[in-house]
Amino acid sequence: MKKAEISLKKLDKNAIVPTYASDFAAGADLYALPGDDVAIEPGQTVLIHTGLALEIPEGYGGFIFARSGLATKKGLAPANKVGVIDSDYRGEIMVPLHNSSNVSQTVSGGERIAQIVFIPYLAADFIESGELNGTKRGVGGFGSTGTN
């Protein structure tokens, strides 16, 4: 699989470079900055540091998604559901982990906390129009396309 080069800067000497868990994984695992463990109480959100800054190519965004195992086994997932990192951001990558379980959870230093996927995007010039082109669906909203 073809890979792009993404420049990164370790803001902390102990920061862990993101890794892909398999050859065809879409997301690279992000790691909590090694050091102290962090307790996250039920219903609490804590900002977890990675100690890394990235140089995301223009025309791409870095999208932060939950790790399915962490979300289903511990109830820990990004509080904003999907984080968006713009290509012009050069600060530390941090993940606001939210505990949706009913027990305190611990994030260990060096633990995989989320995954980042690099996705191209289209920037738009919005043009006001009195009419939009029609479609079969039209203005049908939630559930309007049926269950089959």
N, C-alpha and C. Protein backbone atom coordinates (compact mmCIF):
# COMPACT_ATOMS: atom_id res chain seq x y z
N MET A 1 0.84 -1.18 0.00
CA MET A 1 0.00 0.00 0.00
C MET A 1 0.89 1.24 0.00
N LYS A 2 0.54 2.21 -0.83
CA LYS A 2 1.28 3.46 -0.92
C LYS A 2 1.04 4.28 0.34
N LYS A 3 2.11 4.84 0.89
CA LYS A 3 2.00 5.67 2.09
C LYS A 3 2.58 7.05 1.83
N ALA A 4 1.95 8.05 2.40
CA ALA A 4 2.45 9.42 2.33
C ALA A 4 3.35 9.67 3.53
N GLU A 5 4.28 10.58 3.38
CA GLU A 5 5.12 10.96 4.50
C GLU A 5 4.47 12.11 5.25
N ILE A 6 4.34 11.96 6.56
CA ILE A 6 3.80 12.99 7.43
C ILE A 6 4.91 13.37 8.41
N SER A 7 5.33 14.62 8.35
CA SER A 7 6.36 15.08 9.29
C SER A 7 5.75 15.23 10.67
N LEU A 8 6.51 14.82 11.68
CA LEU A 8 6.05 14.99 13.06
C LEU A 8 7.16 15.54 13.91
N LYS A 9 6.76 16.19 14.98
CA LYS A 9 7.71 16.73 15.94
C LYS A 9 7.34 16.19 17.31
N LYS A 10 8.33 15.60 17.98
CA LYS A 10 8.12 15.16 19.35
C LYS A 10 8.28 16.38 20.25
N LEU A 11 7.19 16.73 20.93
CA LEU A 11 7.22 17.83 21.87
C LEU A 11 7.71 17.36 23.24
N ASP A 12 7.75 16.07 23.40
CA ASP A 12 8.25 15.41 24.61
C ASP A 12 9.09 14.24 24.13
N LYS A 13 10.28 14.07 24.70
CA LYS A 13 11.19 13.00 24.23
C LYS A 13 10.59 11.61 24.38
N ASN A 14 9.60 11.45 25.27
CA ASN A 14 8.99 10.14 25.50
C ASN A 14 7.77 9.86 24.62
N ALA A 15 7.37 10.83 23.81
CA ALA A 15 6.20 10.65 22.94
C ALA A 15 6.41 9.45 22.03
N ILE A 16 5.31 8.76 21.73
CA ILE A 16 5.36 7.56 20.89
C ILE A 16 4.82 7.90 19.51
N VAL A 17 5.59 7.55 18.49
CA VAL A 17 5.20 7.78 17.10
C VAL A 17 3.98 6.90 16.78
N PRO A 18 2.96 7.45 16.11
CA PRO A 18 1.78 6.65 15.75
C PRO A 18 2.16 5.41 14.95
N THR A 19 1.39 4.35 15.13
CA THR A 19 1.65 3.09 14.42
C THR A 19 0.35 2.54 13.84
N TYR A 20 0.50 1.76 12.78
CA TYR A 20 -0.63 1.04 12.19
C TYR A 20 -0.61 -0.39 12.72
N ALA A 21 -1.74 -0.87 13.18
CA ALA A 21 -1.82 -2.20 13.78
C ALA A 21 -1.75 -3.33 12.75
N SER A 22 -2.09 -3.03 11.50
CA SER A 22 -2.00 -4.04 10.44
C SER A 22 -1.66 -3.35 9.13
N ASP A 23 -1.32 -4.14 8.13
CA ASP A 23 -0.90 -3.59 6.84
C ASP A 23 -1.97 -2.73 6.17
N PHE A 24 -3.24 -3.04 6.38
CA PHE A 24 -4.30 -2.33 5.70
C PHE A 24 -5.18 -1.52 6.66
N ALA A 25 -4.66 -1.22 7.84
CA ALA A 25 -5.40 -0.39 8.79
C ALA A 25 -5.54 1.02 8.22
N ALA A 26 -6.73 1.59 8.30
CA ALA A 26 -6.97 2.95 7.83
C ALA A 26 -6.46 3.97 8.83
N GLY A 27 -6.53 3.65 10.12
CA GLY A 27 -6.15 4.58 11.17
C GLY A 27 -4.84 4.18 11.83
N ALA A 28 -4.03 5.18 12.14
CA ALA A 28 -2.80 4.97 12.89
C ALA A 28 -3.11 5.23 14.36
N ASP A 29 -2.67 4.34 15.22
CA ASP A 29 -2.93 4.48 16.65
C ASP A 29 -2.14 5.64 17.25
N LEU A 30 -2.84 6.43 18.05
CA LEU A 30 -2.23 7.49 18.84
C LEU A 30 -2.07 6.99 20.26
N TYR A 31 -0.97 7.37 20.90
CA TYR A 31 -0.64 6.88 22.23
C TYR A 31 -0.67 8.01 23.25
N ALA A 32 -1.14 7.68 24.46
CA ALA A 32 -1.04 8.61 25.57
C ALA A 32 0.43 8.84 25.87
N LEU A 33 0.78 10.05 26.19
CA LEU A 33 2.15 10.36 26.53
C LEU A 33 2.57 9.50 27.72
N PRO A 34 3.68 8.77 27.59
CA PRO A 34 4.12 7.94 28.71
C PRO A 34 4.37 8.78 29.96
N GLY A 35 4.08 8.19 31.08
CA GLY A 35 4.23 8.89 32.36
C GLY A 35 3.17 8.40 33.31
N ASP A 36 2.56 9.33 33.99
CA ASP A 36 1.55 8.98 34.98
C ASP A 36 0.28 8.45 34.33
N ASP A 37 -0.36 7.51 35.02
CA ASP A 37 -1.68 7.04 34.60
C ASP A 37 -2.69 8.14 34.91
N VAL A 38 -3.77 8.17 34.11
CA VAL A 38 -4.81 9.18 34.28
C VAL A 38 -6.14 8.48 34.56
N ALA A 39 -6.76 8.81 35.69
CA ALA A 39 -8.08 8.25 36.01
C ALA A 39 -9.14 9.15 35.40
N ILE A 40 -10.15 8.50 34.80
CA ILE A 40 -11.28 9.24 34.23
C ILE A 40 -12.54 8.69 34.89
N GLU A 41 -13.20 9.54 35.65
CA GLU A 41 -14.39 9.14 36.39
C GLU A 41 -15.59 9.04 35.44
N PRO A 42 -16.64 8.30 35.83
CA PRO A 42 -17.84 8.19 34.99
C PRO A 42 -18.38 9.57 34.63
N GLY A 43 -18.67 9.77 33.35
CA GLY A 43 -19.22 11.03 32.88
C GLY A 43 -18.19 12.14 32.73
N GLN A 44 -16.93 11.88 33.06
CA GLN A 44 -15.88 12.89 33.00
C GLN A 44 -15.15 12.84 31.66
N THR A 45 -14.66 13.99 31.22
CA THR A 45 -13.81 14.10 30.04
C THR A 45 -12.46 14.64 30.47
N VAL A 46 -11.40 13.99 30.01
CA VAL A 46 -10.04 14.41 30.35
C VAL A 46 -9.24 14.54 29.06
N LEU A 47 -8.48 15.61 28.94
CA LEU A 47 -7.63 15.84 27.78
C LEU A 47 -6.35 15.03 27.93
N ILE A 48 -6.15 14.09 27.02
CA ILE A 48 -4.98 13.21 27.07
C ILE A 48 -3.93 13.73 26.08
N HIS A 49 -2.74 13.95 26.55
CA HIS A 49 -1.65 14.46 25.72
C HIS A 49 -0.95 13.33 24.97
N THR A 50 -0.53 13.61 23.73
CA THR A 50 0.27 12.66 22.96
C THR A 50 1.73 13.07 22.91
N GLY A 51 2.02 14.36 23.13
CA GLY A 51 3.39 14.85 23.03
C GLY A 51 3.87 15.00 21.61
N LEU A 52 2.93 15.00 20.64
CA LEU A 52 3.30 15.08 19.22
C LEU A 52 2.61 16.25 18.53
N ALA A 53 3.30 16.82 17.55
CA ALA A 53 2.71 17.78 16.61
C ALA A 53 2.94 17.21 15.22
N LEU A 54 1.97 17.42 14.33
CA LEU A 54 2.05 16.87 12.97
C LEU A 54 2.00 17.97 11.93
N GLU A 55 2.58 17.69 10.77
CA GLU A 55 2.48 18.57 9.61
C GLU A 55 1.63 17.85 8.58
N ILE A 56 0.33 18.09 8.65
CA ILE A 56 -0.63 17.41 7.77
C ILE A 56 -0.62 18.13 6.42
N PRO A 57 -0.54 17.38 5.32
CA PRO A 57 -0.47 18.01 4.00
C PRO A 57 -1.72 18.85 3.70
N GLU A 58 -1.51 19.94 2.95
CA GLU A 58 -2.61 20.79 2.52
C GLU A 58 -3.60 19.95 1.71
N GLY A 59 -4.89 20.18 1.94
CA GLY A 59 -5.93 19.41 1.24
C GLY A 59 -6.36 18.17 2.01
N TYR A 60 -5.73 17.93 3.15
CA TYR A 60 -6.07 16.78 4.00
C TYR A 60 -6.40 17.28 5.40
N GLY A 61 -7.15 16.50 6.11
CA GLY A 61 -7.39 16.73 7.52
C GLY A 61 -6.97 15.49 8.27
N GLY A 62 -6.59 15.65 9.52
CA GLY A 62 -6.34 14.51 10.40
C GLY A 62 -7.60 14.32 11.23
N PHE A 63 -8.26 13.19 11.06
CA PHE A 63 -9.52 12.95 11.75
C PHE A 63 -9.29 11.92 12.86
N ILE A 64 -9.63 12.31 14.08
CA ILE A 64 -9.40 11.47 15.26
C ILE A 64 -10.67 10.69 15.57
N PHE A 65 -10.54 9.37 15.53
CA PHE A 65 -11.66 8.46 15.80
C PHE A 65 -11.35 7.62 17.04
N ALA A 66 -12.41 7.06 17.61
CA ALA A 66 -12.25 6.15 18.75
C ALA A 66 -11.56 4.87 18.31
N ARG A 67 -10.90 4.24 19.24
CA ARG A 67 -10.43 2.86 19.05
C ARG A 67 -11.58 1.98 19.52
N SER A 68 -12.01 1.10 18.67
CA SER A 68 -13.22 0.32 18.99
C SER A 68 -13.08 -0.49 20.27
N GLY A 69 -11.93 -1.08 20.51
CA GLY A 69 -11.73 -1.86 21.72
C GLY A 69 -11.82 -1.02 22.98
N LEU A 70 -11.20 0.16 22.97
CA LEU A 70 -11.22 1.05 24.13
C LEU A 70 -12.64 1.55 24.39
N ALA A 71 -13.36 1.85 23.31
CA ALA A 71 -14.73 2.36 23.45
C ALA A 71 -15.68 1.29 23.96
N THR A 72 -15.57 0.07 23.44
CA THR A 72 -16.52 -0.98 23.83
C THR A 72 -16.15 -1.65 25.15
N LYS A 73 -14.89 -1.78 25.45
CA LYS A 73 -14.48 -2.47 26.67
C LYS A 73 -14.39 -1.55 27.88
N LYS A 74 -14.02 -0.29 27.66
CA LYS A 74 -13.84 0.64 28.78
C LYS A 74 -14.80 1.82 28.74
N GLY A 75 -15.51 2.02 27.64
CA GLY A 75 -16.40 3.17 27.51
C GLY A 75 -15.66 4.48 27.30
N LEU A 76 -14.41 4.40 26.80
CA LEU A 76 -13.60 5.60 26.58
C LEU A 76 -13.52 5.91 25.09
N ALA A 77 -13.96 7.11 24.72
CA ALA A 77 -13.94 7.54 23.32
C ALA A 77 -13.80 9.05 23.28
N PRO A 78 -13.34 9.59 22.16
CA PRO A 78 -13.23 11.05 22.06
C PRO A 78 -14.55 11.74 22.39
N ALA A 79 -14.49 12.76 23.22
CA ALA A 79 -15.70 13.47 23.65
C ALA A 79 -16.41 14.15 22.49
N ASN A 80 -15.65 14.60 21.50
CA ASN A 80 -16.24 15.28 20.35
C ASN A 80 -16.59 14.29 19.23
N LYS A 81 -16.55 13.01 19.54
CA LYS A 81 -16.88 11.90 18.62
C LYS A 81 -15.87 11.77 17.50
N VAL A 82 -15.66 12.80 16.72
CA VAL A 82 -14.61 12.82 15.70
C VAL A 82 -13.89 14.16 15.82
N GLY A 83 -12.61 14.10 16.09
CA GLY A 83 -11.82 15.31 16.15
C GLY A 83 -11.30 15.65 14.77
N VAL A 84 -11.21 16.93 14.47
CA VAL A 84 -10.72 17.38 13.18
C VAL A 84 -9.47 18.23 13.39
N ILE A 85 -8.37 17.82 12.77
CA ILE A 85 -7.13 18.57 12.85
C ILE A 85 -6.85 19.15 11.47
N ASP A 86 -6.85 20.47 11.37
CA ASP A 86 -6.62 21.14 10.10
C ASP A 86 -5.14 21.08 9.71
N SER A 87 -4.88 21.19 8.41
CA SER A 87 -3.51 21.07 7.93
C SER A 87 -2.62 22.23 8.36
N ASP A 88 -3.19 23.35 8.78
CA ASP A 88 -2.36 24.47 9.21
C ASP A 88 -2.13 24.50 10.73
N TYR A 89 -2.62 23.50 11.46
CA TYR A 89 -2.41 23.42 12.92
C TYR A 89 -1.06 22.76 13.19
N ARG A 90 -0.26 23.38 14.05
CA ARG A 90 1.05 22.83 14.39
C ARG A 90 1.23 22.59 15.88
N GLY A 91 0.15 22.65 16.64
CA GLY A 91 0.24 22.42 18.07
C GLY A 91 0.16 20.94 18.42
N GLU A 92 0.20 20.67 19.70
CA GLU A 92 0.17 19.29 20.19
C GLU A 92 -1.18 18.63 19.87
N ILE A 93 -1.10 17.38 19.45
CA ILE A 93 -2.29 16.57 19.25
C ILE A 93 -2.72 16.07 20.62
N MET A 94 -3.94 16.43 21.01
CA MET A 94 -4.50 15.99 22.29
C MET A 94 -5.86 15.38 22.02
N VAL A 95 -6.24 14.42 22.82
CA VAL A 95 -7.51 13.72 22.64
C VAL A 95 -8.36 13.87 23.89
N PRO A 96 -9.54 14.51 23.78
CA PRO A 96 -10.43 14.62 24.94
C PRO A 96 -11.20 13.31 25.10
N LEU A 97 -10.73 12.44 25.99
CA LEU A 97 -11.39 11.15 26.19
C LEU A 97 -12.52 11.29 27.21
N HIS A 98 -13.68 10.76 26.85
CA HIS A 98 -14.86 10.81 27.72
C HIS A 98 -15.17 9.40 28.20
N ASN A 99 -15.47 9.28 29.48
CA ASN A 99 -15.83 8.00 30.08
C ASN A 99 -17.36 7.89 30.12
N SER A 100 -17.91 7.07 29.23
CA SER A 100 -19.36 6.87 29.21
C SER A 100 -19.79 5.66 30.03
N SER A 101 -18.83 5.02 30.69
CA SER A 101 -19.18 3.87 31.53
C SER A 101 -19.64 4.36 32.89
N ASN A 102 -20.02 3.42 33.75
CA ASN A 102 -20.46 3.80 35.10
C ASN A 102 -19.41 3.51 36.16
N VAL A 103 -18.17 3.25 35.73
CA VAL A 103 -17.06 3.03 36.66
C VAL A 103 -15.86 3.86 36.23
N SER A 104 -15.01 4.16 37.20
CA SER A 104 -13.77 4.89 36.91
C SER A 104 -12.89 4.04 35.99
N GLN A 105 -12.28 4.67 35.00
CA GLN A 105 -11.38 4.00 34.08
C GLN A 105 -10.02 4.67 34.14
N THR A 106 -8.98 3.90 33.87
CA THR A 106 -7.63 4.44 33.90
C THR A 106 -6.99 4.34 32.52
N VAL A 107 -6.38 5.43 32.09
CA VAL A 107 -5.58 5.45 30.87
C VAL A 107 -4.13 5.41 31.32
N SER A 108 -3.45 4.37 30.91
CA SER A 108 -2.04 4.21 31.28
C SER A 108 -1.15 4.99 30.33
N GLY A 109 -0.06 5.52 30.85
CA GLY A 109 0.91 6.18 30.00
C GLY A 109 1.41 5.20 28.95
N GLY A 110 1.42 5.62 27.68
CA GLY A 110 1.85 4.75 26.59
C GLY A 110 0.74 3.91 26.00
N GLU A 111 -0.48 4.02 26.53
CA GLU A 111 -1.62 3.24 26.02
C GLU A 111 -2.14 3.85 24.73
N ARG A 112 -2.63 3.00 23.83
CA ARG A 112 -3.27 3.48 22.60
C ARG A 112 -4.62 4.08 22.97
N ILE A 113 -4.86 5.34 22.58
CA ILE A 113 -6.05 6.05 23.05
C ILE A 113 -7.04 6.41 21.95
N ALA A 114 -6.59 6.47 20.71
CA ALA A 114 -7.45 6.87 19.60
C ALA A 114 -6.72 6.51 18.32
N GLN A 115 -7.34 6.79 17.19
CA GLN A 115 -6.67 6.58 15.91
C GLN A 115 -6.88 7.80 15.03
N ILE A 116 -5.88 8.07 14.21
CA ILE A 116 -5.95 9.20 13.29
C ILE A 116 -5.98 8.69 11.86
N VAL A 117 -6.90 9.25 11.08
CA VAL A 117 -7.05 8.91 9.67
C VAL A 117 -6.87 10.20 8.88
N PHE A 118 -6.07 10.16 7.84
CA PHE A 118 -5.84 11.33 6.99
C PHE A 118 -6.76 11.23 5.79
N ILE A 119 -7.64 12.23 5.66
CA ILE A 119 -8.70 12.19 4.64
C ILE A 119 -8.66 13.48 3.83
N PRO A 120 -8.69 13.35 2.48
CA PRO A 120 -8.77 14.58 1.68
C PRO A 120 -10.14 15.21 1.84
N TYR A 121 -10.19 16.53 1.69
CA TYR A 121 -11.46 17.23 1.82
C TYR A 121 -11.60 18.24 0.70
N LEU A 122 -12.80 18.69 0.50
CA LEU A 122 -13.12 19.69 -0.51
C LEU A 122 -13.55 20.96 0.20
N ALA A 123 -12.83 22.05 -0.02
CA ALA A 123 -13.25 23.35 0.51
C ALA A 123 -14.27 23.93 -0.47
N ALA A 124 -15.24 24.67 0.04
CA ALA A 124 -16.34 25.15 -0.81
C ALA A 124 -16.46 26.67 -0.76
N ASP A 125 -16.87 27.22 -1.88
CA ASP A 125 -17.36 28.59 -1.94
C ASP A 125 -18.87 28.46 -1.94
N PHE A 126 -19.53 29.01 -0.93
CA PHE A 126 -20.98 28.87 -0.82
C PHE A 126 -21.66 29.96 -1.64
N ILE A 127 -22.55 29.53 -2.51
CA ILE A 127 -23.25 30.44 -3.41
C ILE A 127 -24.74 30.35 -3.12
N GLU A 128 -25.31 31.46 -2.70
CA GLU A 128 -26.73 31.48 -2.39
C GLU A 128 -27.55 31.31 -3.67
N SER A 129 -28.57 30.46 -3.57
CA SER A 129 -29.42 30.18 -4.72
C SER A 129 -30.88 30.14 -4.26
N GLY A 130 -31.77 30.65 -5.09
CA GLY A 130 -33.20 30.61 -4.76
C GLY A 130 -33.78 29.22 -4.90
N GLU A 131 -33.17 28.39 -5.71
CA GLU A 131 -33.65 27.03 -5.96
C GLU A 131 -32.48 26.06 -5.98
N LEU A 132 -32.74 24.82 -5.57
CA LEU A 132 -31.76 23.74 -5.65
C LEU A 132 -32.27 22.71 -6.63
N ASN A 133 -31.37 21.99 -7.27
CA ASN A 133 -31.78 20.91 -8.17
C ASN A 133 -32.57 19.87 -7.40
N GLY A 134 -33.61 19.36 -8.01
CA GLY A 134 -34.45 18.35 -7.37
C GLY A 134 -33.80 16.97 -7.39
N THR A 135 -34.21 16.13 -6.43
CA THR A 135 -33.77 14.73 -6.36
C THR A 135 -34.99 13.88 -6.02
N LYS A 136 -34.84 12.59 -6.17
CA LYS A 136 -35.93 11.67 -5.82
C LYS A 136 -36.27 11.79 -4.33
N ARG A 137 -35.28 11.94 -3.48
CA ARG A 137 -35.50 12.05 -2.04
C ARG A 137 -36.10 13.41 -1.67
N GLY A 138 -35.64 14.45 -2.31
CA GLY A 138 -36.17 15.78 -2.01
C GLY A 138 -35.83 16.23 -0.61
N VAL A 139 -36.85 16.69 0.12
CA VAL A 139 -36.63 17.22 1.47
C VAL A 139 -36.84 16.17 2.56
N GLY A 140 -37.02 14.91 2.17
CA GLY A 140 -37.24 13.84 3.16
C GLY A 140 -36.08 13.78 4.14
N GLY A 141 -36.40 13.80 5.41
CA GLY A 141 -35.37 13.82 6.45
C GLY A 141 -35.15 12.46 7.08
N PHE A 142 -34.94 12.47 8.38
CA PHE A 142 -34.61 11.27 9.15
C PHE A 142 -35.59 10.13 8.88
N GLY A 143 -35.05 9.00 8.43
CA GLY A 143 -35.87 7.80 8.19
C GLY A 143 -36.70 7.86 6.93
N SER A 144 -36.54 8.88 6.11
CA SER A 144 -37.40 9.03 4.94
C SER A 144 -37.09 8.03 3.82
N THR A 145 -35.92 7.39 3.88
CA THR A 145 -35.60 6.43 2.82
C THR A 145 -36.03 5.02 3.18
N GLY A 146 -36.69 4.84 4.31
CA GLY A 146 -37.23 3.53 4.69
C GLY A 146 -36.22 2.68 5.43
N THR A 147 -36.66 1.48 5.77
CA THR A 147 -35.81 0.57 6.54
C THR A 147 -35.24 -0.56 5.70
N ASN A 148 -35.67 -0.69 4.48
CA ASN A 148 -35.16 -1.78 3.63
C ASN A 148 -34.10 -1.29 2.68
